[in-house]
Amino acid sequence: MDGLWSSDEKRQAYRDLYDSLNQKVEAFQAIAPKLSKAERDSMEQEISQGIKEVEALIHLERKQNKTLPYDIIKASYDLPFELRQYQQNTVNELADSVRAGYYLDIGTGKTYTSISACLYKKAVGAIARTYCIMPPILITNWSRNLAKIPGVTHTCYRGTPAKRKTLNLDVDFILMSWDIFKRDWEELLIHCAGTTVALLCDEAQALKNIASGNYKKVRDFIQFGDHHLLLLTGTPLSSPMDAYAYIKLITPEIYQNRLQFENTHVAEVDFFHKPTKWRNLDLLNSNLARGAVRLLKEDVVKELPEVTITELNYDLSSKHKALYDELATKQLKVLEDGTKIDITHVSALLHALAQVPANAEHFSGGSVESTLYELIDEIMDELGDGKLVIFTKYVMTNRRIQERCAKYNPVALYGEISAAQQQENLDRFVNDPACRIVQLQYASGGAGIDNLQHVCSDVLFVELPPTSSTFHQCVGRVHRVGQSKPVHVRIALAEGTLQNYLWQVVQDKDTLINLCIRGYKGIKDMVMGHAGAPA
């Protein structure tokens, strides 16, 4: 390793600069409550400028020696994989940054890219280890990937509080869920006292709400000791407002606060003070790109097969449709009396009726069957011995699919199933030819799940996700690196129900706010399946 640097003295100089910055951060934290806002802003800018100076020195050193971070990684570790060129470029651009956004599109390999960046930081002495935070379902897959790298150690930090206290944390990577990170935040800070670590946040869209515990704990953690931060997400924005959280974590000096952000980018708001029109979006995109790399799948993975989306409009049986209309009429009576209509009313209505197409048996006391399952049978017959990924929204629907589709040996990932059992179910779907259906609830399996692409290229949505970004996350479970077949996505839409409207929402053609504005008649048309695409 030392031969890759021009001198031990220069390398020590970089370490001294990092130590100096750490001391400034500690001093700042000690006196911050006593400082005025102007004084706090000044110290934050001074620290940020120091970070930039260190990064500039490292870039200069690299240029003089013609070494790149990926070259250093290859010289330091026996990697069992070779990064694609766009992944290498991302590592070379971001690995020296103390804070960076790895906004690589779904299926482009951000896991190995970020692992490589952390290995580089470890190799050059910038960090002691990496804390990896992620949804619990992803921990096993991360563990398997890390276990393939000779000489790299890791711990899956999970289990009861008593068990967690017995785990070895003196390793290169510590894997944990968001909930465990928030619970053990103080203990983890104590463990890394006196060292610099990296905090890697997979599925970083969990941070986009600045009022959430996730955001606050990550923000506070990296400020203690000025730890490194890597944000990983394939879908960073579902709204321009989401950008504020990422920018504030990666480049906090750009906006002093949220008010400045809104004054710069929000052009109009609605009655609920929700932004409805934006401005200066080019500037926003430029700011989001600072300290980050954004790669789209279609730009870098040219060999991926195409995706075909097919709308499957099916009819409910006469009894099923009569049941839906009866339930819808009862729900609509709540709004018919002229009561002020707001998002709470509309959301409750949607959730109540969206479950009816797949669960007629429940709502009718067993006297009516859902025709949806005839559609699933037709698809399975069409696939021969192929496999199918089914996306759902409601627990009730997952239970019903398990019963009605038992002949296909289905497995499921949804809220009632433990993380350990979800991993077993995922492994079974991938490895057992007789297991032909996996049910994924958006919250449990819509993001981060890997390896489905090796055994399946067919997807069915029986209930629609809330946003287009969630929809694309779901499709990305099979349309990703490793997929060799054309991907066929089917959208089940029950005629005469609200599902056609919900499909418009997914395609960004409408919003709940617009429904509230249109009033009772617009809502009734939507519920009864008569709502066309809004003007």
Protein backbone atom coordinates (compact mmCIF):
# COMPACT_ATOMS: atom_id res chain seq x y z
CA MET A 1 0.00 0.00 0.00
CA ASP A 2 2.65 2.56 0.97
CA GLY A 3 4.18 2.33 -2.50
CA LEU A 4 1.04 3.84 -3.95
CA TRP A 5 1.78 7.09 -2.11
CA SER A 6 4.64 9.45 -2.87
CA SER A 7 5.80 9.43 0.75
CA ASP A 8 4.82 8.37 4.24
CA GLU A 9 5.09 12.01 5.28
CA LYS A 10 2.37 13.11 2.87
CA ARG A 11 0.08 10.33 3.96
CA GLN A 12 0.62 11.34 7.59
CA ALA A 13 -0.10 14.94 6.64
CA TYR A 14 -3.51 13.91 5.34
CA ARG A 15 -4.18 12.05 8.57
CA ASP A 16 -3.15 15.11 10.58
CA LEU A 17 -5.56 17.25 8.58
CA TYR A 18 -8.38 14.81 9.29
CA ASP A 19 -7.49 14.85 12.99
CA SER A 20 -7.49 18.65 12.98
CA LEU A 21 -10.92 18.67 11.41
CA ASN A 22 -12.17 16.20 14.01
CA GLN A 23 -10.92 18.50 16.77
CA LYS A 24 -12.73 21.44 15.21
CA VAL A 25 -15.95 19.43 15.07
CA GLU A 26 -15.60 18.43 18.73
CA ALA A 27 -14.96 22.03 19.74
CA PHE A 28 -17.91 23.21 17.67
CA GLN A 29 -20.25 20.67 19.27
CA ALA A 30 -19.16 21.73 22.75
CA ILE A 31 -19.85 25.43 22.26
CA ALA A 32 -22.58 25.38 19.57
CA PRO A 33 -25.47 25.95 22.02
CA LYS A 34 -23.84 29.16 23.18
CA LEU A 35 -23.17 30.55 19.70
CA SER A 36 -25.33 32.84 17.66
CA LYS A 37 -26.70 31.56 14.36
CA ALA A 38 -24.15 33.64 12.43
CA GLU A 39 -21.30 32.18 14.48
CA ARG A 40 -22.58 28.62 13.98
CA ASP A 41 -22.87 29.18 10.23
CA SER A 42 -19.34 30.56 10.13
CA MET A 43 -17.87 27.54 11.92
CA GLU A 44 -19.83 25.13 9.72
CA GLN A 45 -18.44 26.85 6.64
CA GLU A 46 -14.90 26.69 8.06
CA ILE A 47 -15.21 22.94 8.68
CA SER A 48 -16.74 22.38 5.25
CA GLN A 49 -13.87 24.31 3.65
CA GLY A 50 -11.38 22.16 5.55
CA ILE A 51 -12.98 19.01 4.19
CA LYS A 52 -12.73 20.38 0.66
CA GLU A 53 -9.04 21.17 1.18
CA VAL A 54 -8.30 17.62 2.29
CA GLU A 55 -10.17 16.22 -0.70
CA ALA A 56 -8.27 18.56 -3.03
CA LEU A 57 -4.92 17.41 -1.64
CA ILE A 58 -5.83 13.77 -2.10
CA HIS A 59 -6.97 14.41 -5.67
CA LEU A 60 -3.68 16.19 -6.39
CA GLU A 61 -1.68 13.34 -4.86
CA ARG A 62 -3.58 10.83 -6.93
CA LYS A 63 -3.01 12.82 -10.12
CA GLN A 64 0.73 13.05 -9.47
CA ASN A 65 1.03 9.33 -8.83
CA LYS A 66 -1.49 8.33 -11.51
CA THR A 67 -3.33 6.10 -9.04
CA LEU A 68 -7.08 5.88 -8.75
CA PRO A 69 -9.14 4.62 -5.82
CA TYR A 70 -10.16 1.52 -7.74
CA ASP A 71 -6.48 0.76 -8.46
CA ILE A 72 -5.78 0.99 -4.73
CA ILE A 73 -8.72 -1.32 -3.97
CA LYS A 74 -7.47 -3.90 -6.47
CA ALA A 75 -3.97 -3.72 -5.00
CA SER A 76 -5.24 -4.09 -1.45
CA TYR A 77 -7.96 -6.75 -1.76
CA ASP A 78 -8.53 -9.94 -3.70
CA LEU A 79 -11.93 -8.96 -5.05
CA PRO A 80 -14.14 -11.83 -6.28
CA PHE A 81 -15.84 -9.42 -8.69
CA GLU A 82 -14.82 -6.85 -11.28
CA LEU A 83 -16.76 -3.61 -11.26
CA ARG A 84 -18.18 -2.45 -14.55
CA GLN A 85 -16.55 0.67 -15.97
CA TYR A 86 -19.36 3.00 -14.85
CA GLN A 87 -19.08 1.55 -11.33
CA GLN A 88 -15.32 2.08 -11.33
CA ASN A 89 -15.85 5.67 -12.47
CA THR A 90 -18.29 6.23 -9.61
CA VAL A 91 -15.83 4.86 -7.05
CA ASN A 92 -13.00 6.96 -8.48
CA GLU A 93 -15.14 10.10 -8.35
CA LEU A 94 -16.68 9.69 -4.89
CA ALA A 95 -14.46 7.46 -2.75
CA ASP A 96 -12.35 10.32 -1.38
CA SER A 97 -15.39 12.37 -0.40
CA VAL A 98 -16.32 12.45 3.27
CA ARG A 99 -19.98 12.67 2.32
CA ALA A 100 -21.35 11.37 -0.97
CA GLY A 101 -24.57 10.31 -2.67
CA TYR A 102 -24.51 7.06 -4.66
CA TYR A 103 -27.72 7.56 -6.64
CA LEU A 104 -27.35 4.58 -8.95
CA ASP A 105 -30.53 3.43 -10.62
CA ILE A 106 -32.24 0.23 -9.55
CA GLY A 107 -30.36 -2.81 -10.80
CA THR A 108 -27.07 -1.08 -11.69
CA GLY A 109 -25.03 -2.57 -8.84
CA LYS A 110 -24.81 0.12 -6.18
CA THR A 111 -24.10 -2.49 -3.46
CA TYR A 112 -20.73 -3.61 -4.84
CA THR A 113 -19.93 -0.03 -5.86
CA SER A 114 -20.43 1.25 -2.32
CA ILE A 115 -18.64 -1.72 -0.75
CA SER A 116 -15.66 -0.93 -2.95
CA ALA A 117 -15.70 2.72 -1.90
CA CYS A 118 -15.66 1.70 1.77
CA LEU A 119 -12.81 -0.74 1.17
CA TYR A 120 -10.85 2.13 -0.34
CA LYS A 121 -11.50 4.34 2.68
CA LYS A 122 -10.31 1.52 4.93
CA ALA A 123 -7.23 0.82 2.81
CA VAL A 124 -6.00 4.42 2.92
CA GLY A 125 -6.67 4.79 6.64
CA ALA A 126 -9.53 7.27 6.31
CA ILE A 127 -11.92 5.10 8.38
CA ALA A 128 -11.71 2.26 10.88
CA ARG A 129 -14.89 0.48 9.76
CA THR A 130 -18.28 0.95 8.09
CA TYR A 131 -21.68 0.86 9.77
CA CYS A 132 -24.23 -0.24 7.15
CA ILE A 133 -27.89 0.62 7.82
CA MET A 134 -30.62 -0.98 5.69
CA PRO A 135 -34.05 -2.63 5.75
CA PRO A 136 -33.70 -5.92 7.68
CA ILE A 137 -34.58 -8.07 4.65
CA LEU A 138 -31.37 -6.89 2.94
CA ILE A 139 -28.94 -7.84 5.72
CA THR A 140 -28.51 -11.48 4.70
CA ASN A 141 -27.77 -10.61 1.07
CA TRP A 142 -25.23 -7.98 2.13
CA SER A 143 -23.66 -10.54 4.46
CA ARG A 144 -23.32 -13.06 1.65
CA ASN A 145 -21.70 -10.49 -0.63
CA LEU A 146 -19.17 -9.44 2.01
CA ALA A 147 -18.36 -13.06 2.90
CA LYS A 148 -17.07 -13.55 -0.64
CA ILE A 149 -14.23 -11.04 -0.16
CA PRO A 150 -11.12 -12.67 1.38
CA GLY A 151 -9.81 -10.92 4.47
CA VAL A 152 -12.87 -8.68 4.91
CA THR A 153 -14.75 -9.20 8.17
CA HIS A 154 -18.32 -8.31 9.06
CA THR A 155 -20.95 -8.74 11.75
CA CYS A 156 -24.73 -8.90 11.36
CA TYR A 157 -25.74 -6.69 14.26
CA ARG A 158 -29.20 -7.98 15.18
CA GLY A 159 -31.06 -10.06 17.74
CA THR A 160 -32.07 -9.23 21.30
CA PRO A 161 -30.33 -6.42 23.22
CA ALA A 162 -28.48 -9.04 25.28
CA LYS A 163 -27.30 -10.85 22.15
CA ARG A 164 -26.20 -7.62 20.46
CA LYS A 165 -23.94 -6.85 23.42
CA THR A 166 -22.04 -10.11 22.78
CA LEU A 167 -21.37 -9.44 19.09
CA ASN A 168 -17.90 -8.57 17.80
CA LEU A 169 -17.89 -5.01 16.49
CA ASP A 170 -14.16 -4.82 15.75
CA VAL A 171 -14.76 -5.77 12.11
CA ASP A 172 -14.70 -4.02 8.75
CA PHE A 173 -18.47 -3.87 8.22
CA ILE A 174 -21.33 -3.89 10.75
CA LEU A 175 -24.75 -4.58 9.21
CA MET A 176 -27.93 -3.48 10.97
CA SER A 177 -31.53 -2.39 10.42
CA TRP A 178 -32.78 1.16 10.71
CA ASP A 179 -34.63 0.34 13.91
CA ILE A 180 -31.57 -1.22 15.56
CA PHE A 181 -29.45 1.78 14.58
CA LYS A 182 -31.90 4.16 16.23
CA ARG A 183 -32.15 2.02 19.38
CA ASP A 184 -28.39 1.53 19.82
CA TRP A 185 -27.29 4.90 18.47
CA GLU A 186 -25.49 5.97 21.65
CA GLU A 187 -23.74 2.60 22.16
CA LEU A 188 -22.49 2.69 18.57
CA LEU A 189 -21.15 6.22 19.06
CA ILE A 190 -19.31 5.11 22.19
CA HIS A 191 -17.81 2.16 20.33
CA CYS A 192 -16.37 4.33 17.58
CA ALA A 193 -15.10 7.06 19.94
CA GLY A 194 -11.60 8.18 18.99
CA THR A 195 -11.91 6.79 15.46
CA THR A 196 -13.51 7.85 12.21
CA VAL A 197 -16.07 5.51 10.69
CA ALA A 198 -18.31 5.50 7.64
CA LEU A 199 -22.08 5.40 7.88
CA LEU A 200 -23.56 3.73 4.80
CA CYS A 201 -27.34 4.13 4.37
CA ASP A 202 -28.88 1.71 1.89
CA GLU A 203 -32.36 2.56 0.58
CA ALA A 204 -31.64 6.11 1.72
CA GLN A 205 -35.10 7.26 0.74
CA ALA A 206 -35.82 6.42 4.39
CA LEU A 207 -34.11 9.74 5.18
CA LYS A 208 -36.08 12.11 2.97
CA ASN A 209 -38.37 13.27 5.80
CA ILE A 210 -36.22 15.66 7.86
CA ALA A 211 -38.63 15.31 10.80
CA SER A 212 -38.14 11.53 11.00
CA GLY A 213 -36.04 9.70 13.54
CA ASN A 214 -34.05 8.14 10.70
CA TYR A 215 -32.91 11.51 9.40
CA LYS A 216 -32.17 13.03 12.79
CA LYS A 217 -30.10 10.08 14.04
CA VAL A 218 -28.03 9.92 10.87
CA ARG A 219 -27.50 13.69 10.89
CA ASP A 220 -26.41 13.70 14.52
CA PHE A 221 -24.22 10.60 14.19
CA ILE A 222 -22.04 11.92 11.38
CA GLN A 223 -21.54 15.22 13.19
CA PHE A 224 -19.89 13.45 16.12
CA GLY A 225 -16.30 13.08 14.89
CA ASP A 226 -17.24 14.16 11.37
CA HIS A 227 -17.79 10.59 10.26
CA HIS A 228 -18.08 9.68 6.59
CA LEU A 229 -21.51 9.25 4.98
CA LEU A 230 -22.63 7.26 1.93
CA LEU A 231 -26.24 7.56 0.80
CA LEU A 232 -27.45 4.77 -1.48
CA THR A 233 -30.71 4.92 -3.38
CA GLY A 234 -31.89 4.13 -6.88
CA THR A 235 -34.89 6.47 -6.60
CA PRO A 236 -33.73 9.56 -4.69
CA LEU A 237 -36.74 11.74 -5.50
CA SER A 238 -40.47 11.16 -5.56
CA SER A 239 -40.89 14.93 -5.19
CA PRO A 240 -38.46 17.87 -5.53
CA MET A 241 -38.97 18.46 -1.79
CA ASP A 242 -37.12 15.19 -1.09
CA ALA A 243 -33.92 16.76 -2.39
CA TYR A 244 -33.59 19.01 0.64
CA ALA A 245 -32.84 16.12 3.02
CA TYR A 246 -30.15 14.64 0.78
CA ILE A 247 -28.51 17.98 0.08
CA LYS A 248 -28.54 18.96 3.76
CA LEU A 249 -26.73 15.72 4.64
CA ILE A 250 -24.20 15.72 1.77
CA THR A 251 -23.54 19.43 1.20
CA PRO A 252 -25.12 21.26 4.17
CA GLU A 253 -23.64 24.61 3.23
CA ILE A 254 -25.86 25.01 0.14
CA TYR A 255 -29.06 25.85 2.03
CA GLN A 256 -28.99 27.37 5.49
CA ASN A 257 -32.40 25.93 6.30
CA ARG A 258 -35.62 24.64 4.79
CA LEU A 259 -37.08 28.13 4.55
CA GLN A 260 -34.29 29.18 2.20
CA PHE A 261 -34.84 26.00 0.16
CA GLU A 262 -38.57 26.70 -0.18
CA ASN A 263 -38.05 30.36 -1.01
CA THR A 264 -35.68 29.29 -3.79
CA HIS A 265 -37.66 26.42 -5.31
CA VAL A 266 -41.34 26.50 -4.32
CA ALA A 267 -43.46 28.65 -6.66
CA GLU A 268 -46.97 27.82 -5.44
CA VAL A 269 -48.60 25.91 -2.58
CA ASP A 270 -52.11 24.57 -2.03
CA PHE A 271 -54.54 25.06 0.87
CA PHE A 272 -52.54 22.56 2.96
CA HIS A 273 -49.27 24.41 2.22
CA LYS A 274 -48.11 21.53 0.02
CA PRO A 275 -46.03 22.63 -2.99
CA THR A 276 -47.94 22.40 -6.26
CA LYS A 277 -45.54 24.25 -8.54
CA TRP A 278 -41.75 24.45 -8.54
CA ARG A 279 -39.11 26.80 -9.90
CA ASN A 280 -35.34 26.85 -10.42
CA LEU A 281 -35.31 23.07 -10.91
CA ASP A 282 -32.10 23.23 -12.94
CA LEU A 283 -30.40 24.78 -9.92
CA LEU A 284 -31.93 22.13 -7.67
CA ASN A 285 -30.64 19.32 -9.90
CA SER A 286 -27.21 20.95 -9.93
CA ASN A 287 -27.15 21.19 -6.15
CA LEU A 288 -28.31 17.59 -5.76
CA ALA A 289 -25.48 16.47 -8.05
CA ARG A 290 -22.79 18.12 -5.92
CA GLY A 291 -20.95 15.38 -4.04
CA ALA A 292 -23.02 12.72 -5.77
CA VAL A 293 -23.31 10.54 -8.85
CA ARG A 294 -26.66 9.86 -10.49
CA LEU A 295 -26.73 7.02 -13.05
CA LEU A 296 -29.78 5.83 -14.95
CA LYS A 297 -30.04 2.20 -15.92
CA GLU A 298 -30.74 2.87 -19.59
CA ASP A 299 -27.61 5.04 -19.86
CA VAL A 300 -25.10 2.54 -18.50
CA VAL A 301 -26.50 -0.99 -18.82
CA LYS A 302 -27.17 -1.21 -22.53
CA GLU A 303 -27.55 -5.00 -22.60
CA LEU A 304 -30.58 -5.16 -20.32
CA PRO A 305 -33.69 -6.51 -22.10
CA GLU A 306 -36.73 -4.32 -22.64
CA VAL A 307 -39.69 -3.99 -20.30
CA THR A 308 -43.23 -4.48 -21.60
CA ILE A 309 -46.12 -3.14 -19.50
CA THR A 310 -49.55 -4.63 -20.20
CA GLU A 311 -52.83 -3.48 -18.69
CA LEU A 312 -55.06 -6.48 -17.95
CA ASN A 313 -58.59 -5.14 -17.64
CA TYR A 314 -60.81 -7.84 -16.20
CA ASP A 315 -64.49 -7.92 -15.23
CA LEU A 316 -65.77 -8.69 -11.79
CA SER A 317 -68.56 -11.24 -11.62
CA SER A 318 -72.04 -9.73 -11.42
CA LYS A 319 -72.26 -10.58 -7.72
CA HIS A 320 -68.77 -9.20 -7.08
CA LYS A 321 -69.55 -5.96 -8.91
CA ALA A 322 -72.83 -5.58 -7.01
CA LEU A 323 -70.92 -6.10 -3.75
CA TYR A 324 -68.33 -3.46 -4.72
CA ASP A 325 -71.03 -0.96 -5.71
CA GLU A 326 -72.90 -1.53 -2.46
CA LEU A 327 -69.78 -0.98 -0.35
CA ALA A 328 -68.76 2.05 -2.43
CA THR A 329 -72.21 3.62 -2.02
CA LYS A 330 -72.02 3.22 1.75
CA GLN A 331 -68.59 4.83 1.83
CA LEU A 332 -69.67 7.71 -0.42
CA LYS A 333 -72.61 8.60 1.83
CA VAL A 334 -70.07 9.89 4.35
CA LEU A 335 -69.12 12.62 1.84
CA GLU A 336 -72.50 13.23 0.24
CA ASP A 337 -73.84 15.49 2.99
CA GLY A 338 -71.63 18.37 1.93
CA THR A 339 -68.99 17.87 4.59
CA LYS A 340 -65.71 19.51 3.67
CA ILE A 341 -63.64 17.00 1.72
CA ASP A 342 -59.96 16.68 2.57
CA ILE A 343 -57.14 14.19 1.98
CA THR A 344 -57.99 12.22 5.13
CA HIS A 345 -61.51 11.47 3.84
CA VAL A 346 -60.30 10.51 0.37
CA SER A 347 -57.44 8.34 1.63
CA ALA A 348 -59.77 6.43 3.95
CA LEU A 349 -62.17 5.85 1.07
CA LEU A 350 -59.41 4.56 -1.21
CA HIS A 351 -58.02 2.15 1.37
CA ALA A 352 -61.47 0.80 2.19
CA LEU A 353 -62.43 0.05 -1.43
CA ALA A 354 -59.01 -0.89 -2.87
CA GLN A 355 -59.14 -4.19 -0.95
CA VAL A 356 -62.46 -5.35 -2.42
CA PRO A 357 -61.35 -6.62 -5.87
CA ALA A 358 -58.98 -9.22 -4.37
CA ASN A 359 -61.03 -10.06 -1.28
CA ALA A 360 -64.67 -10.57 -2.25
CA GLU A 361 -64.78 -13.66 -0.04
CA HIS A 362 -64.02 -11.59 3.04
CA PHE A 363 -66.47 -8.77 2.34
CA SER A 364 -69.29 -11.11 1.34
CA GLY A 365 -68.88 -13.58 4.17
CA GLY A 366 -67.74 -16.25 1.72
CA SER A 367 -70.67 -16.08 -0.71
CA VAL A 368 -68.78 -14.31 -3.54
CA GLU A 369 -65.47 -15.30 -5.15
CA SER A 370 -62.93 -12.87 -6.55
CA THR A 371 -62.42 -13.29 -10.29
CA LEU A 372 -58.87 -12.02 -9.87
CA TYR A 373 -57.70 -15.54 -9.10
CA GLU A 374 -59.04 -16.83 -12.42
CA LEU A 375 -56.81 -14.20 -14.03
CA ILE A 376 -53.81 -15.42 -11.99
CA ASP A 377 -54.54 -19.01 -13.07
CA GLU A 378 -54.57 -17.90 -16.72
CA ILE A 379 -51.22 -16.15 -16.32
CA MET A 380 -49.64 -19.16 -14.59
CA ASP A 381 -50.92 -21.42 -17.37
CA GLU A 382 -49.42 -19.04 -19.93
CA LEU A 383 -46.04 -19.16 -18.14
CA GLY A 384 -45.84 -22.95 -18.27
CA ASP A 385 -43.35 -23.86 -15.55
CA GLY A 386 -42.18 -20.24 -15.19
CA LYS A 387 -42.28 -18.12 -12.05
CA LEU A 388 -44.26 -15.00 -11.21
CA VAL A 389 -43.64 -12.06 -8.85
CA ILE A 390 -46.94 -10.68 -7.49
CA PHE A 391 -47.00 -7.23 -5.87
CA THR A 392 -49.68 -6.45 -3.30
CA LYS A 393 -50.50 -3.67 -0.87
CA TYR A 394 -52.70 -5.22 1.82
CA VAL A 395 -52.11 -8.00 4.33
CA MET A 396 -55.59 -9.36 3.66
CA THR A 397 -54.73 -9.84 0.00
CA ASN A 398 -51.49 -11.64 0.83
CA ARG A 399 -53.33 -14.08 3.05
CA ARG A 400 -55.92 -14.75 0.36
CA ILE A 401 -53.32 -15.36 -2.36
CA GLN A 402 -51.57 -17.84 -0.07
CA GLU A 403 -54.82 -19.80 0.22
CA ARG A 404 -56.15 -19.49 -3.31
CA CYS A 405 -52.83 -20.08 -5.11
CA ALA A 406 -51.54 -22.88 -2.87
CA LYS A 407 -51.10 -25.19 -5.88
CA TYR A 408 -48.24 -22.95 -7.05
CA ASN A 409 -46.38 -23.29 -3.71
CA PRO A 410 -46.30 -19.53 -3.10
CA VAL A 411 -44.04 -17.76 -0.61
CA ALA A 412 -44.51 -14.24 0.67
CA LEU A 413 -42.69 -11.20 2.05
CA TYR A 414 -45.02 -8.90 3.97
CA GLY A 415 -45.41 -7.25 7.36
CA GLU A 416 -46.66 -10.24 9.36
CA ILE A 417 -43.65 -12.37 8.40
CA SER A 418 -40.38 -12.04 10.33
CA ALA A 419 -37.24 -10.87 8.54
CA ALA A 420 -35.63 -14.30 9.01
CA GLN A 421 -38.63 -16.09 7.51
CA GLN A 422 -38.78 -13.59 4.64
CA GLN A 423 -35.18 -14.44 3.79
CA GLU A 424 -35.97 -18.16 3.84
CA ASN A 425 -38.96 -17.55 1.58
CA LEU A 426 -36.86 -15.52 -0.84
CA ASP A 427 -34.20 -18.25 -0.98
CA ARG A 428 -36.85 -20.87 -1.64
CA PHE A 429 -38.33 -18.93 -4.55
CA VAL A 430 -34.88 -18.52 -6.09
CA ASN A 431 -33.74 -22.12 -5.57
CA ASP A 432 -36.87 -24.30 -5.68
CA PRO A 433 -38.38 -24.83 -9.17
CA ALA A 434 -41.67 -25.97 -7.59
CA CYS A 435 -42.08 -22.60 -5.83
CA ARG A 436 -43.59 -20.57 -8.65
CA ILE A 437 -45.02 -17.46 -6.95
CA VAL A 438 -43.47 -14.93 -4.61
CA GLN A 439 -45.75 -12.26 -3.13
CA LEU A 440 -44.06 -8.97 -2.31
CA GLN A 441 -45.74 -6.24 -0.32
CA TYR A 442 -44.39 -2.83 -1.35
CA ALA A 443 -43.14 -1.99 2.14
CA SER A 444 -41.35 -5.33 2.59
CA GLY A 445 -40.16 -6.36 -0.86
CA GLY A 446 -40.56 -3.40 -3.16
CA ALA A 447 -36.97 -2.19 -2.72
CA GLY A 448 -33.56 -3.74 -2.27
CA ILE A 449 -34.47 -7.36 -3.00
CA ASP A 450 -31.96 -9.05 -5.32
CA ASN A 451 -31.54 -12.36 -7.23
CA LEU A 452 -35.14 -12.58 -8.49
CA GLN A 453 -33.84 -11.58 -11.92
CA HIS A 454 -31.96 -14.88 -12.23
CA VAL A 455 -35.12 -17.01 -12.11
CA CYS A 456 -38.02 -14.76 -13.11
CA SER A 457 -38.96 -12.10 -15.67
CA ASP A 458 -42.73 -11.83 -15.12
CA VAL A 459 -44.45 -9.43 -12.71
CA LEU A 460 -48.11 -8.93 -11.79
CA PHE A 461 -49.50 -5.98 -9.83
CA VAL A 462 -52.80 -6.98 -8.22
CA GLU A 463 -52.85 -3.80 -6.13
CA LEU A 464 -51.11 -0.63 -7.17
CA PRO A 465 -48.34 1.23 -5.30
CA PRO A 466 -48.87 4.84 -4.21
CA THR A 467 -46.31 6.50 -6.50
CA SER A 468 -44.46 6.05 -9.77
CA SER A 469 -41.12 5.83 -7.95
CA THR A 470 -42.40 2.90 -5.87
CA PHE A 471 -43.69 1.26 -9.06
CA HIS A 472 -40.27 1.52 -10.72
CA GLN A 473 -38.57 0.21 -7.58
CA CYS A 474 -40.81 -2.84 -7.77
CA VAL A 475 -40.16 -3.45 -11.47
CA GLY A 476 -36.46 -3.10 -10.71
CA ARG A 477 -36.56 -6.30 -8.64
CA VAL A 478 -36.44 -8.25 -11.93
CA HIS A 479 -35.25 -5.64 -14.43
CA ARG A 480 -31.66 -5.35 -13.24
CA VAL A 481 -28.15 -6.58 -13.97
CA GLY A 482 -28.31 -10.35 -14.44
CA GLN A 483 -31.68 -10.42 -16.22
CA SER A 484 -31.42 -12.19 -19.58
CA LYS A 485 -35.07 -12.31 -20.68
CA PRO A 486 -37.53 -9.59 -21.68
CA VAL A 487 -39.44 -8.41 -18.62
CA HIS A 488 -43.24 -8.53 -18.79
CA VAL A 489 -45.12 -6.40 -16.26
CA ARG A 490 -48.87 -6.97 -16.02
CA ILE A 491 -51.25 -4.52 -14.30
CA ALA A 492 -54.51 -6.13 -13.11
CA LEU A 493 -57.30 -3.53 -13.37
CA ALA A 494 -60.83 -4.49 -12.27
CA GLU A 495 -63.36 -2.75 -14.51
CA GLY A 496 -65.83 -0.45 -12.78
CA THR A 497 -63.59 0.07 -9.75
CA LEU A 498 -61.14 2.70 -8.56
CA GLN A 499 -58.16 0.69 -9.82
CA ASN A 500 -58.14 2.51 -13.17
CA TYR A 501 -57.85 5.81 -11.34
CA LEU A 502 -55.07 4.48 -9.09
CA TRP A 503 -53.16 3.46 -12.21
CA GLN A 504 -53.40 7.08 -13.39
CA VAL A 505 -51.89 8.19 -10.07
CA VAL A 506 -48.96 5.80 -10.54
CA GLN A 507 -48.41 7.31 -13.97
CA ASP A 508 -48.34 10.79 -12.37
CA LYS A 509 -51.57 11.85 -14.07
CA ASP A 510 -53.45 12.82 -10.92
CA THR A 511 -53.20 13.47 -7.17
CA LEU A 512 -55.39 13.25 -4.10
CA ILE A 513 -55.28 17.04 -3.89
CA ASN A 514 -56.90 17.28 -7.32
CA LEU A 515 -59.62 14.89 -6.19
CA CYS A 516 -60.37 17.09 -3.20
CA ILE A 517 -60.60 20.12 -5.46
CA ARG A 518 -62.97 18.37 -7.90
CA GLY A 519 -65.31 17.51 -5.01
CA TYR A 520 -67.94 14.83 -4.45
CA LYS A 521 -68.87 14.13 -8.10
CA GLY A 522 -65.24 13.68 -9.11
CA ILE A 523 -64.70 11.28 -6.23
CA LYS A 524 -67.84 9.31 -7.08
CA ASP A 525 -66.77 8.97 -10.73
CA MET A 526 -63.36 7.76 -9.61
CA VAL A 527 -64.74 5.18 -7.17
CA MET A 528 -67.20 3.78 -9.70
CA GLY A 529 -64.54 3.52 -12.39
CA HIS A 530 -65.90 6.35 -14.56
CA ALA A 531 -63.07 8.86 -14.01
CA GLY A 532 -61.08 9.58 -17.14
CA ALA A 533 -57.64 11.11 -17.22
CA PRO A 534 -57.92 14.65 -15.87
CA ALA A 535 -57.28 17.55 -18.17
